[in-house]
Amino acid sequence: MEGERRSIRPLPDVRIGPLADDELTDEQRELLGGVQVPGNATVNIFATLVRHPGLFRRWLPFGGKLLAGGKLPDRDRELLILRTGWLCEAAYEWAQHVPIAERSGVTPEEVEAVVVGPDDPSWSEDDAALLRAADELHDDGVIGDATWASLAARYDEKQLIEVPMLVGHYHMVAFTLNSLGTPIEATADTDAGADA
């Protein structure tokens, strides 16, 4: 909704938490070995979702393709993820992606403007269209014609396919982590945008 400002909901108590290293099976350990995380830290999203090895094995390449091998520019990808995380009130997703977004060229001021949404006057037309696409997918389940036309003037066919796939994927991730109560790592940036 125009001008609507939400906040990140507090996480519920941990319902299904991350596995400790000494709880991992050999299969789970092998699956986590394929996750590339700076500093070789076991991130809670992975240590939690690996409890379901069959799903994890199939999900990880898809999520990894969108995050590290997609066709959208990194900055555009992160704007879509941040807006989706904000709309889903996803504390974990927000905490993980604010620093990734900033490394991808999103400024701290832009992170704050993501909270306001596509109608913040600081956005370029291109950036506003990205955020509007996330809003329309969240609210209506479809990118509207005007927003689509704006995106189509900028992106090729593969990138256009990727926009709703990315937003949909991060909805799934937000719904899952919100519902499981996945705890945020102590090193994550939990304050960015939380008071906006």
N, C-alpha and C. Protein backbone atom coordinates (compact mmCIF):
# COMPACT_ATOMS: atom_id res chain seq x y z
N MET A 1 0.84 -1.19 0.00
CA MET A 1 0.00 0.00 0.00
C MET A 1 0.88 1.24 0.00
N GLU A 2 0.42 2.26 -0.67
CA GLU A 2 1.21 3.48 -0.79
C GLU A 2 1.44 4.11 0.58
N GLY A 3 2.71 4.43 0.84
CA GLY A 3 3.06 5.11 2.07
C GLY A 3 3.05 4.21 3.31
N GLU A 4 2.65 2.96 3.14
CA GLU A 4 2.59 2.07 4.30
C GLU A 4 4.00 1.73 4.76
N ARG A 5 4.21 1.76 6.06
CA ARG A 5 5.49 1.39 6.63
C ARG A 5 5.25 0.28 7.63
N ARG A 6 5.97 -0.77 7.47
CA ARG A 6 5.86 -1.91 8.36
C ARG A 6 7.09 -1.92 9.26
N SER A 7 7.16 -2.90 10.06
CA SER A 7 8.39 -3.13 10.80
C SER A 7 8.69 -4.61 10.71
N ILE A 8 9.90 -4.95 11.04
CA ILE A 8 10.27 -6.36 11.05
C ILE A 8 9.70 -6.98 12.32
N ARG A 9 8.92 -8.02 12.14
CA ARG A 9 8.30 -8.69 13.29
C ARG A 9 9.36 -9.39 14.12
N PRO A 10 9.15 -9.47 15.41
CA PRO A 10 10.07 -10.26 16.23
C PRO A 10 9.94 -11.73 15.84
N LEU A 11 11.04 -12.41 15.86
CA LEU A 11 11.00 -13.84 15.56
C LEU A 11 10.26 -14.58 16.66
N PRO A 12 9.50 -15.63 16.29
CA PRO A 12 8.91 -16.46 17.34
C PRO A 12 10.02 -17.24 18.03
N ASP A 13 9.68 -17.87 19.12
CA ASP A 13 10.65 -18.77 19.72
C ASP A 13 11.09 -19.77 18.67
N VAL A 14 12.31 -20.25 18.81
CA VAL A 14 12.83 -21.23 17.85
C VAL A 14 11.95 -22.47 17.91
N ARG A 15 11.38 -22.81 16.78
CA ARG A 15 10.53 -24.00 16.68
C ARG A 15 11.32 -25.19 16.15
N ILE A 16 12.13 -24.93 15.14
CA ILE A 16 13.05 -25.92 14.62
C ILE A 16 14.36 -25.19 14.40
N GLY A 17 15.34 -25.49 15.23
CA GLY A 17 16.57 -24.72 15.23
C GLY A 17 17.68 -25.35 14.42
N PRO A 18 18.77 -24.62 14.29
CA PRO A 18 19.92 -25.14 13.56
C PRO A 18 20.58 -26.29 14.31
N LEU A 19 21.12 -27.21 13.55
CA LEU A 19 21.86 -28.32 14.15
C LEU A 19 23.25 -27.84 14.57
N ALA A 20 23.69 -28.30 15.71
CA ALA A 20 25.07 -28.06 16.13
C ALA A 20 25.97 -29.02 15.35
N ASP A 21 27.24 -28.68 15.24
CA ASP A 21 28.18 -29.51 14.49
C ASP A 21 28.16 -30.97 14.94
N ASP A 22 28.06 -31.19 16.26
CA ASP A 22 28.10 -32.57 16.76
C ASP A 22 26.78 -33.32 16.57
N GLU A 23 25.76 -32.65 16.04
CA GLU A 23 24.48 -33.30 15.77
C GLU A 23 24.34 -33.72 14.30
N LEU A 24 25.25 -33.29 13.46
CA LEU A 24 25.13 -33.54 12.03
C LEU A 24 25.44 -34.99 11.68
N THR A 25 24.64 -35.54 10.78
CA THR A 25 24.97 -36.84 10.21
C THR A 25 26.05 -36.62 9.15
N ASP A 26 26.62 -37.71 8.68
CA ASP A 26 27.63 -37.60 7.62
C ASP A 26 27.01 -36.97 6.37
N GLU A 27 25.77 -37.33 6.04
CA GLU A 27 25.10 -36.77 4.88
C GLU A 27 24.91 -35.26 5.05
N GLN A 28 24.45 -34.83 6.22
CA GLN A 28 24.23 -33.41 6.47
C GLN A 28 25.55 -32.64 6.42
N ARG A 29 26.58 -33.23 6.98
CA ARG A 29 27.91 -32.60 6.97
C ARG A 29 28.39 -32.42 5.53
N GLU A 30 28.18 -33.44 4.70
CA GLU A 30 28.58 -33.37 3.29
C GLU A 30 27.79 -32.27 2.57
N LEU A 31 26.49 -32.20 2.81
CA LEU A 31 25.67 -31.17 2.18
C LEU A 31 26.12 -29.77 2.59
N LEU A 32 26.40 -29.58 3.87
CA LEU A 32 26.85 -28.27 4.33
C LEU A 32 28.23 -27.94 3.80
N GLY A 33 29.01 -28.95 3.48
CA GLY A 33 30.34 -28.72 2.91
C GLY A 33 30.29 -28.05 1.56
N GLY A 34 29.16 -28.15 0.88
CA GLY A 34 29.00 -27.52 -0.42
C GLY A 34 28.54 -26.08 -0.36
N VAL A 35 28.30 -25.58 0.84
CA VAL A 35 27.83 -24.21 1.01
C VAL A 35 29.03 -23.30 1.18
N GLN A 36 29.11 -22.29 0.31
CA GLN A 36 30.22 -21.34 0.38
C GLN A 36 29.80 -20.13 1.21
N VAL A 37 30.34 -20.03 2.41
CA VAL A 37 30.02 -18.93 3.31
C VAL A 37 31.34 -18.28 3.74
N PRO A 38 31.41 -16.93 3.69
CA PRO A 38 32.64 -16.28 4.13
C PRO A 38 33.04 -16.70 5.53
N GLY A 39 34.30 -17.00 5.71
CA GLY A 39 34.81 -17.39 7.02
C GLY A 39 34.47 -18.82 7.41
N ASN A 40 33.90 -19.59 6.47
CA ASN A 40 33.51 -20.98 6.72
C ASN A 40 32.57 -21.14 7.91
N ALA A 41 31.82 -20.11 8.23
CA ALA A 41 30.85 -20.20 9.32
C ALA A 41 29.65 -21.03 8.87
N THR A 42 29.06 -21.76 9.77
CA THR A 42 27.82 -22.46 9.47
C THR A 42 26.69 -21.49 9.78
N VAL A 43 26.01 -21.05 8.75
CA VAL A 43 24.96 -20.07 8.90
C VAL A 43 23.67 -20.78 9.30
N ASN A 44 22.90 -20.17 10.18
CA ASN A 44 21.73 -20.82 10.75
C ASN A 44 20.69 -21.28 9.73
N ILE A 45 20.52 -20.51 8.63
CA ILE A 45 19.56 -20.96 7.62
C ILE A 45 19.94 -22.35 7.11
N PHE A 46 21.22 -22.55 6.82
CA PHE A 46 21.66 -23.82 6.26
C PHE A 46 21.66 -24.93 7.31
N ALA A 47 22.12 -24.59 8.53
CA ALA A 47 22.17 -25.59 9.60
C ALA A 47 20.77 -26.00 10.06
N THR A 48 19.76 -25.20 9.73
CA THR A 48 18.38 -25.56 10.04
C THR A 48 17.77 -26.36 8.89
N LEU A 49 17.86 -25.84 7.68
CA LEU A 49 17.20 -26.49 6.55
C LEU A 49 17.83 -27.84 6.20
N VAL A 50 19.09 -28.05 6.58
CA VAL A 50 19.74 -29.34 6.30
C VAL A 50 19.12 -30.47 7.14
N ARG A 51 18.26 -30.12 8.08
CA ARG A 51 17.52 -31.16 8.81
C ARG A 51 16.67 -32.00 7.85
N HIS A 52 16.35 -31.42 6.69
CA HIS A 52 15.60 -32.13 5.66
C HIS A 52 16.55 -32.30 4.46
N PRO A 53 17.43 -33.29 4.51
CA PRO A 53 18.49 -33.40 3.50
C PRO A 53 17.98 -33.48 2.06
N GLY A 54 16.88 -34.18 1.84
CA GLY A 54 16.37 -34.31 0.48
C GLY A 54 15.95 -32.98 -0.11
N LEU A 55 15.22 -32.17 0.65
CA LEU A 55 14.85 -30.83 0.18
C LEU A 55 16.08 -29.94 0.05
N PHE A 56 16.95 -29.99 1.04
CA PHE A 56 18.14 -29.15 1.04
C PHE A 56 18.98 -29.38 -0.21
N ARG A 57 19.14 -30.66 -0.56
CA ARG A 57 19.95 -31.04 -1.72
C ARG A 57 19.41 -30.42 -3.01
N ARG A 58 18.09 -30.32 -3.12
CA ARG A 58 17.46 -29.76 -4.33
C ARG A 58 17.34 -28.23 -4.27
N TRP A 59 17.11 -27.71 -3.07
CA TRP A 59 16.90 -26.27 -2.90
C TRP A 59 18.20 -25.47 -3.08
N LEU A 60 19.27 -25.97 -2.53
CA LEU A 60 20.52 -25.21 -2.48
C LEU A 60 21.01 -24.78 -3.87
N PRO A 61 21.02 -25.65 -4.88
CA PRO A 61 21.48 -25.18 -6.20
C PRO A 61 20.56 -24.10 -6.80
N PHE A 62 19.26 -24.22 -6.57
CA PHE A 62 18.34 -23.22 -7.10
C PHE A 62 18.58 -21.86 -6.43
N GLY A 63 18.60 -21.86 -5.09
CA GLY A 63 18.86 -20.62 -4.36
C GLY A 63 20.23 -20.05 -4.70
N GLY A 64 21.22 -20.93 -4.83
CA GLY A 64 22.56 -20.48 -5.17
C GLY A 64 22.63 -19.87 -6.55
N LYS A 65 21.89 -20.43 -7.50
CA LYS A 65 21.85 -19.88 -8.85
C LYS A 65 21.28 -18.47 -8.83
N LEU A 66 20.20 -18.27 -8.09
CA LEU A 66 19.60 -16.93 -8.01
C LEU A 66 20.52 -15.94 -7.31
N LEU A 67 21.19 -16.40 -6.26
CA LEU A 67 22.00 -15.50 -5.46
C LEU A 67 23.36 -15.19 -6.09
N ALA A 68 24.00 -16.21 -6.66
CA ALA A 68 25.37 -15.99 -7.13
C ALA A 68 25.55 -16.22 -8.63
N GLY A 69 24.53 -16.71 -9.30
CA GLY A 69 24.71 -17.01 -10.71
C GLY A 69 23.59 -16.51 -11.59
N GLY A 70 22.78 -15.61 -11.05
CA GLY A 70 21.66 -15.11 -11.81
C GLY A 70 22.06 -14.08 -12.85
N LYS A 71 21.10 -13.68 -13.64
CA LYS A 71 21.34 -12.73 -14.73
C LYS A 71 21.10 -11.28 -14.32
N LEU A 72 20.40 -11.06 -13.23
CA LEU A 72 20.16 -9.69 -12.77
C LEU A 72 21.43 -9.11 -12.17
N PRO A 73 21.67 -7.81 -12.34
CA PRO A 73 22.80 -7.19 -11.64
C PRO A 73 22.66 -7.38 -10.13
N ASP A 74 23.78 -7.55 -9.45
CA ASP A 74 23.76 -7.81 -8.01
C ASP A 74 22.94 -6.78 -7.23
N ARG A 75 23.14 -5.52 -7.55
CA ARG A 75 22.42 -4.46 -6.83
C ARG A 75 20.91 -4.60 -7.02
N ASP A 76 20.47 -4.89 -8.24
CA ASP A 76 19.05 -5.04 -8.51
C ASP A 76 18.47 -6.24 -7.77
N ARG A 77 19.23 -7.34 -7.80
CA ARG A 77 18.82 -8.54 -7.06
C ARG A 77 18.60 -8.22 -5.59
N GLU A 78 19.54 -7.51 -5.01
CA GLU A 78 19.45 -7.23 -3.57
C GLU A 78 18.32 -6.26 -3.25
N LEU A 79 18.04 -5.31 -4.13
CA LEU A 79 16.88 -4.45 -3.89
C LEU A 79 15.59 -5.27 -3.86
N LEU A 80 15.47 -6.22 -4.77
CA LEU A 80 14.29 -7.09 -4.79
C LEU A 80 14.21 -7.95 -3.53
N ILE A 81 15.34 -8.50 -3.12
CA ILE A 81 15.35 -9.35 -1.91
C ILE A 81 15.03 -8.52 -0.67
N LEU A 82 15.64 -7.35 -0.54
CA LEU A 82 15.36 -6.52 0.64
C LEU A 82 13.89 -6.12 0.69
N ARG A 83 13.33 -5.71 -0.43
CA ARG A 83 11.93 -5.30 -0.41
C ARG A 83 11.04 -6.48 -0.07
N THR A 84 11.35 -7.65 -0.61
CA THR A 84 10.58 -8.85 -0.29
C THR A 84 10.71 -9.18 1.19
N GLY A 85 11.92 -9.12 1.72
CA GLY A 85 12.12 -9.39 3.14
C GLY A 85 11.34 -8.42 4.02
N TRP A 86 11.34 -7.15 3.61
CA TRP A 86 10.61 -6.15 4.39
C TRP A 86 9.10 -6.41 4.34
N LEU A 87 8.59 -6.70 3.14
CA LEU A 87 7.16 -6.95 3.01
C LEU A 87 6.72 -8.18 3.79
N CYS A 88 7.60 -9.17 3.86
CA CYS A 88 7.29 -10.41 4.60
C CYS A 88 7.64 -10.29 6.08
N GLU A 89 8.12 -9.12 6.50
CA GLU A 89 8.52 -8.89 7.89
C GLU A 89 9.48 -9.98 8.37
N ALA A 90 10.46 -10.25 7.52
CA ALA A 90 11.38 -11.37 7.72
C ALA A 90 12.69 -10.89 8.35
N ALA A 91 12.77 -10.99 9.64
CA ALA A 91 13.95 -10.49 10.37
C ALA A 91 15.23 -11.18 9.92
N TYR A 92 15.18 -12.48 9.76
CA TYR A 92 16.40 -13.20 9.38
C TYR A 92 16.86 -12.79 7.99
N GLU A 93 15.93 -12.77 7.05
CA GLU A 93 16.26 -12.41 5.67
C GLU A 93 16.82 -10.98 5.61
N TRP A 94 16.19 -10.07 6.33
CA TRP A 94 16.64 -8.68 6.36
C TRP A 94 18.06 -8.60 6.93
N ALA A 95 18.29 -9.24 8.06
CA ALA A 95 19.60 -9.19 8.71
C ALA A 95 20.69 -9.76 7.83
N GLN A 96 20.39 -10.82 7.09
CA GLN A 96 21.39 -11.42 6.21
C GLN A 96 21.67 -10.56 4.99
N HIS A 97 20.62 -9.93 4.44
CA HIS A 97 20.78 -9.28 3.14
C HIS A 97 21.14 -7.81 3.19
N VAL A 98 20.98 -7.14 4.29
CA VAL A 98 21.44 -5.74 4.34
C VAL A 98 22.94 -5.67 4.06
N PRO A 99 23.78 -6.46 4.72
CA PRO A 99 25.21 -6.36 4.39
C PRO A 99 25.54 -6.82 2.97
N ILE A 100 24.83 -7.84 2.47
CA ILE A 100 25.06 -8.29 1.10
C ILE A 100 24.69 -7.18 0.14
N ALA A 101 23.56 -6.52 0.40
CA ALA A 101 23.12 -5.41 -0.46
C ALA A 101 24.14 -4.28 -0.46
N GLU A 102 24.64 -3.95 0.71
CA GLU A 102 25.62 -2.85 0.79
C GLU A 102 26.90 -3.21 0.04
N ARG A 103 27.31 -4.48 0.10
CA ARG A 103 28.49 -4.91 -0.68
C ARG A 103 28.20 -4.89 -2.18
N SER A 104 26.92 -4.94 -2.53
CA SER A 104 26.51 -4.94 -3.95
C SER A 104 26.25 -3.54 -4.48
N GLY A 105 26.49 -2.52 -3.65
CA GLY A 105 26.35 -1.15 -4.11
C GLY A 105 25.12 -0.42 -3.62
N VAL A 106 24.28 -1.06 -2.81
CA VAL A 106 23.13 -0.38 -2.22
C VAL A 106 23.64 0.45 -1.04
N THR A 107 23.33 1.72 -1.03
CA THR A 107 23.82 2.59 0.05
C THR A 107 22.96 2.43 1.30
N PRO A 108 23.47 2.82 2.47
CA PRO A 108 22.64 2.78 3.68
C PRO A 108 21.37 3.62 3.53
N GLU A 109 21.46 4.73 2.82
CA GLU A 109 20.27 5.56 2.60
C GLU A 109 19.25 4.82 1.73
N GLU A 110 19.74 4.07 0.77
CA GLU A 110 18.83 3.27 -0.06
C GLU A 110 18.20 2.13 0.72
N VAL A 111 18.96 1.54 1.63
CA VAL A 111 18.38 0.51 2.50
C VAL A 111 17.18 1.09 3.25
N GLU A 112 17.35 2.29 3.78
CA GLU A 112 16.24 2.95 4.48
C GLU A 112 15.09 3.25 3.52
N ALA A 113 15.41 3.62 2.28
CA ALA A 113 14.35 3.92 1.31
C ALA A 113 13.61 2.66 0.87
N VAL A 114 14.26 1.50 0.94
CA VAL A 114 13.56 0.23 0.65
C VAL A 114 12.38 0.07 1.59
N VAL A 115 12.56 0.50 2.82
CA VAL A 115 11.49 0.41 3.83
C VAL A 115 10.28 1.23 3.40
N VAL A 116 10.50 2.39 2.86
CA VAL A 116 9.41 3.26 2.40
C VAL A 116 8.76 2.67 1.17
N GLY A 117 9.57 2.14 0.26
CA GLY A 117 9.04 1.50 -0.93
C GLY A 117 9.23 2.30 -2.19
N PRO A 118 8.55 1.89 -3.26
CA PRO A 118 8.78 2.49 -4.58
C PRO A 118 8.37 3.95 -4.69
N ASP A 119 7.56 4.44 -3.77
CA ASP A 119 7.11 5.83 -3.85
C ASP A 119 8.04 6.81 -3.15
N ASP A 120 9.13 6.30 -2.55
CA ASP A 120 10.12 7.20 -1.98
C ASP A 120 10.69 8.04 -3.12
N PRO A 121 10.71 9.36 -2.98
CA PRO A 121 11.14 10.22 -4.09
C PRO A 121 12.62 10.08 -4.46
N SER A 122 13.40 9.43 -3.63
CA SER A 122 14.83 9.32 -3.93
C SER A 122 15.13 8.27 -5.00
N TRP A 123 14.18 7.40 -5.31
CA TRP A 123 14.45 6.33 -6.26
C TRP A 123 14.45 6.83 -7.69
N SER A 124 15.33 6.28 -8.51
CA SER A 124 15.25 6.48 -9.96
C SER A 124 14.02 5.71 -10.46
N GLU A 125 13.60 5.99 -11.68
CA GLU A 125 12.46 5.26 -12.26
C GLU A 125 12.75 3.77 -12.32
N ASP A 126 13.97 3.40 -12.68
CA ASP A 126 14.33 1.98 -12.77
C ASP A 126 14.25 1.29 -11.41
N ASP A 127 14.81 1.92 -10.39
CA ASP A 127 14.78 1.31 -9.06
C ASP A 127 13.36 1.25 -8.51
N ALA A 128 12.58 2.29 -8.74
CA ALA A 128 11.19 2.29 -8.29
C ALA A 128 10.41 1.15 -8.95
N ALA A 129 10.68 0.90 -10.23
CA ALA A 129 10.00 -0.19 -10.93
C ALA A 129 10.35 -1.55 -10.31
N LEU A 130 11.61 -1.72 -9.92
CA LEU A 130 12.00 -2.97 -9.26
C LEU A 130 11.22 -3.17 -7.96
N LEU A 131 11.21 -2.14 -7.13
CA LEU A 131 10.51 -2.25 -5.86
C LEU A 131 9.01 -2.43 -6.07
N ARG A 132 8.48 -1.75 -7.08
CA ARG A 132 7.05 -1.89 -7.38
C ARG A 132 6.73 -3.32 -7.84
N ALA A 133 7.64 -3.92 -8.60
CA ALA A 133 7.44 -5.31 -9.01
C ALA A 133 7.36 -6.22 -7.79
N ALA A 134 8.24 -6.01 -6.82
CA ALA A 134 8.20 -6.82 -5.59
C ALA A 134 6.88 -6.60 -4.86
N ASP A 135 6.43 -5.34 -4.79
CA ASP A 135 5.16 -5.04 -4.11
C ASP A 135 3.99 -5.70 -4.83
N GLU A 136 3.95 -5.59 -6.15
CA GLU A 136 2.82 -6.14 -6.90
C GLU A 136 2.79 -7.66 -6.80
N LEU A 137 3.95 -8.30 -6.86
CA LEU A 137 3.99 -9.75 -6.68
C LEU A 137 3.51 -10.14 -5.29
N HIS A 138 3.94 -9.40 -4.29
CA HIS A 138 3.54 -9.68 -2.91
C HIS A 138 2.04 -9.49 -2.72
N ASP A 139 1.52 -8.39 -3.24
CA ASP A 139 0.11 -8.04 -2.99
C ASP A 139 -0.87 -8.72 -3.94
N ASP A 140 -0.47 -8.87 -5.22
CA ASP A 140 -1.41 -9.31 -6.25
C ASP A 140 -1.04 -10.62 -6.92
N GLY A 141 0.18 -11.09 -6.70
CA GLY A 141 0.62 -12.32 -7.33
C GLY A 141 0.98 -12.16 -8.80
N VAL A 142 1.11 -10.93 -9.28
CA VAL A 142 1.45 -10.69 -10.68
C VAL A 142 2.08 -9.30 -10.80
N ILE A 143 3.01 -9.16 -11.73
CA ILE A 143 3.56 -7.84 -12.05
C ILE A 143 2.60 -7.17 -13.00
N GLY A 144 2.16 -5.97 -12.66
CA GLY A 144 1.22 -5.24 -13.49
C GLY A 144 1.82 -4.80 -14.82
N ASP A 145 0.95 -4.45 -15.77
CA ASP A 145 1.38 -4.11 -17.12
C ASP A 145 2.36 -2.93 -17.16
N ALA A 146 2.07 -1.87 -16.43
CA ALA A 146 2.95 -0.69 -16.48
C ALA A 146 4.32 -1.02 -15.90
N THR A 147 4.34 -1.74 -14.81
CA THR A 147 5.62 -2.12 -14.20
C THR A 147 6.37 -3.07 -15.12
N TRP A 148 5.66 -4.02 -15.73
CA TRP A 148 6.30 -4.95 -16.65
C TRP A 148 6.94 -4.19 -17.82
N ALA A 149 6.21 -3.23 -18.37
CA ALA A 149 6.75 -2.45 -19.49
C ALA A 149 8.02 -1.72 -19.08
N SER A 150 8.05 -1.20 -17.89
CA SER A 150 9.24 -0.51 -17.40
C SER A 150 10.41 -1.48 -17.26
N LEU A 151 10.14 -2.67 -16.71
CA LEU A 151 11.20 -3.67 -16.57
C LEU A 151 11.67 -4.17 -17.94
N ALA A 152 10.72 -4.36 -18.86
CA ALA A 152 11.05 -4.88 -20.19
C ALA A 152 11.88 -3.91 -21.00
N ALA A 153 11.81 -2.63 -20.68
CA ALA A 153 12.64 -1.64 -21.37
C ALA A 153 14.09 -1.72 -20.89
N ARG A 154 14.31 -2.41 -19.80
CA ARG A 154 15.64 -2.45 -19.18
C ARG A 154 16.28 -3.83 -19.24
N TYR A 155 15.47 -4.88 -19.11
CA TYR A 155 16.00 -6.23 -18.97
C TYR A 155 15.73 -7.09 -20.18
N ASP A 156 16.58 -8.10 -20.37
CA ASP A 156 16.34 -9.06 -21.44
C ASP A 156 15.37 -10.14 -20.93
N GLU A 157 15.06 -11.08 -21.80
CA GLU A 157 14.06 -12.10 -21.48
C GLU A 157 14.44 -12.93 -20.26
N LYS A 158 15.69 -13.35 -20.17
CA LYS A 158 16.13 -14.16 -19.03
C LYS A 158 16.00 -13.37 -17.73
N GLN A 159 16.38 -12.11 -17.76
CA GLN A 159 16.27 -11.28 -16.55
C GLN A 159 14.81 -11.08 -16.16
N LEU A 160 13.94 -10.92 -17.14
CA LEU A 160 12.51 -10.75 -16.84
C LEU A 160 11.93 -12.00 -16.20
N ILE A 161 12.35 -13.17 -16.65
CA ILE A 161 11.90 -14.42 -16.02
C ILE A 161 12.41 -14.49 -14.59
N GLU A 162 13.63 -14.01 -14.39
CA GLU A 162 14.26 -14.12 -13.08
C GLU A 162 13.60 -13.24 -12.02
N VAL A 163 13.05 -12.10 -12.40
CA VAL A 163 12.46 -11.19 -11.40
C VAL A 163 11.39 -11.89 -10.56
N PRO A 164 10.32 -12.46 -11.14
CA PRO A 164 9.32 -13.11 -10.29
C PRO A 164 9.84 -14.39 -9.63
N MET A 165 10.78 -15.08 -10.28
CA MET A 165 11.36 -16.28 -9.65
C MET A 165 12.12 -15.90 -8.39
N LEU A 166 12.89 -14.81 -8.46
CA LEU A 166 13.66 -14.35 -7.31
C LEU A 166 12.74 -13.92 -6.17
N VAL A 167 11.75 -13.09 -6.49
CA VAL A 167 10.83 -12.62 -5.46
C VAL A 167 10.06 -13.80 -4.86
N GLY A 168 9.62 -14.72 -5.70
CA GLY A 168 8.91 -15.89 -5.19
C GLY A 168 9.78 -16.75 -4.30
N HIS A 169 11.03 -16.94 -4.70
CA HIS A 169 11.95 -17.74 -3.89
C HIS A 169 12.16 -17.12 -2.52
N TYR A 170 12.34 -15.81 -2.49
CA TYR A 170 12.59 -15.18 -1.19
C TYR A 170 11.33 -15.05 -0.35
N HIS A 171 10.16 -15.12 -0.96
CA HIS A 171 8.93 -15.28 -0.18
C HIS A 171 8.97 -16.64 0.52
N MET A 172 9.29 -17.68 -0.23
CA MET A 172 9.35 -19.03 0.34
C MET A 172 10.35 -19.07 1.49
N VAL A 173 11.52 -18.49 1.28
CA VAL A 173 12.54 -18.49 2.33
C VAL A 173 12.03 -17.72 3.55
N ALA A 174 11.43 -16.55 3.33
CA ALA A 174 10.92 -15.75 4.45
C ALA A 174 9.84 -16.51 5.21
N PHE A 175 8.90 -17.10 4.49
CA PHE A 175 7.82 -17.84 5.15
C PHE A 175 8.39 -18.97 6.00
N THR A 176 9.39 -19.66 5.46
CA THR A 176 9.98 -20.80 6.17
C THR A 176 10.73 -20.34 7.41
N LEU A 177 11.62 -19.37 7.26
CA LEU A 177 12.43 -18.93 8.40
C LEU A 177 11.58 -18.23 9.45
N ASN A 178 10.58 -17.46 9.02
CA ASN A 178 9.66 -16.84 9.98
C ASN A 178 8.94 -17.91 10.78
N SER A 179 8.47 -18.95 10.11
CA SER A 179 7.69 -19.98 10.77
C SER A 179 8.53 -20.87 11.67
N LEU A 180 9.77 -21.16 11.24
CA LEU A 180 10.64 -22.01 12.06
C LEU A 180 11.24 -21.26 13.23
N GLY A 181 11.26 -19.93 13.15
CA GLY A 181 11.90 -19.13 14.19
C GLY A 181 13.42 -19.23 14.11
N THR A 182 13.95 -19.31 12.90
CA THR A 182 15.39 -19.44 12.72
C THR A 182 16.11 -18.25 13.36
N PRO A 183 16.99 -18.52 14.31
CA PRO A 183 17.65 -17.41 15.02
C PRO A 183 18.68 -16.70 14.14
N ILE A 184 18.76 -15.40 14.32
CA ILE A 184 19.72 -14.57 13.60
C ILE A 184 21.09 -14.74 14.24
N GLU A 185 22.11 -14.86 13.41
CA GLU A 185 23.46 -14.97 13.91
C GLU A 185 23.84 -13.71 14.68
N ALA A 186 24.67 -13.87 15.67
CA ALA A 186 25.06 -12.73 16.51
C ALA A 186 25.79 -11.66 15.71
N THR A 187 26.44 -12.03 14.60
CA THR A 187 27.20 -11.07 13.81
C THR A 187 26.36 -10.35 12.78
N ALA A 188 25.09 -10.74 12.61
CA ALA A 188 24.25 -10.14 11.57
C ALA A 188 23.85 -8.72 11.96
N ASP A 189 23.57 -7.92 10.94
CA ASP A 189 23.13 -6.53 11.12
C ASP A 189 21.64 -6.51 11.35
N THR A 190 21.22 -6.59 12.61
CA THR A 190 19.80 -6.69 12.91
C THR A 190 19.12 -5.35 13.06
N ASP A 191 19.86 -4.26 13.13
CA ASP A 191 19.25 -2.98 13.39
C ASP A 191 18.87 -2.21 12.12
N ALA A 192 19.49 -2.52 11.00
CA ALA A 192 19.28 -1.73 9.80
C ALA A 192 17.82 -1.76 9.39
N GLY A 193 17.20 -0.62 9.37
CA GLY A 193 15.81 -0.51 8.93
C GLY A 193 14.79 -0.91 9.96
N ALA A 194 15.20 -1.49 11.07
CA ALA A 194 14.24 -2.01 12.01
C ALA A 194 13.43 -0.91 12.70
N ASP A 195 14.00 0.28 12.79
CA ASP A 195 13.31 1.37 13.46
C ASP A 195 12.63 2.31 12.47
N ALA A 196 12.75 2.00 11.19
CA ALA A 196 12.20 2.92 10.19
C ALA A 196 10.69 2.85 10.14
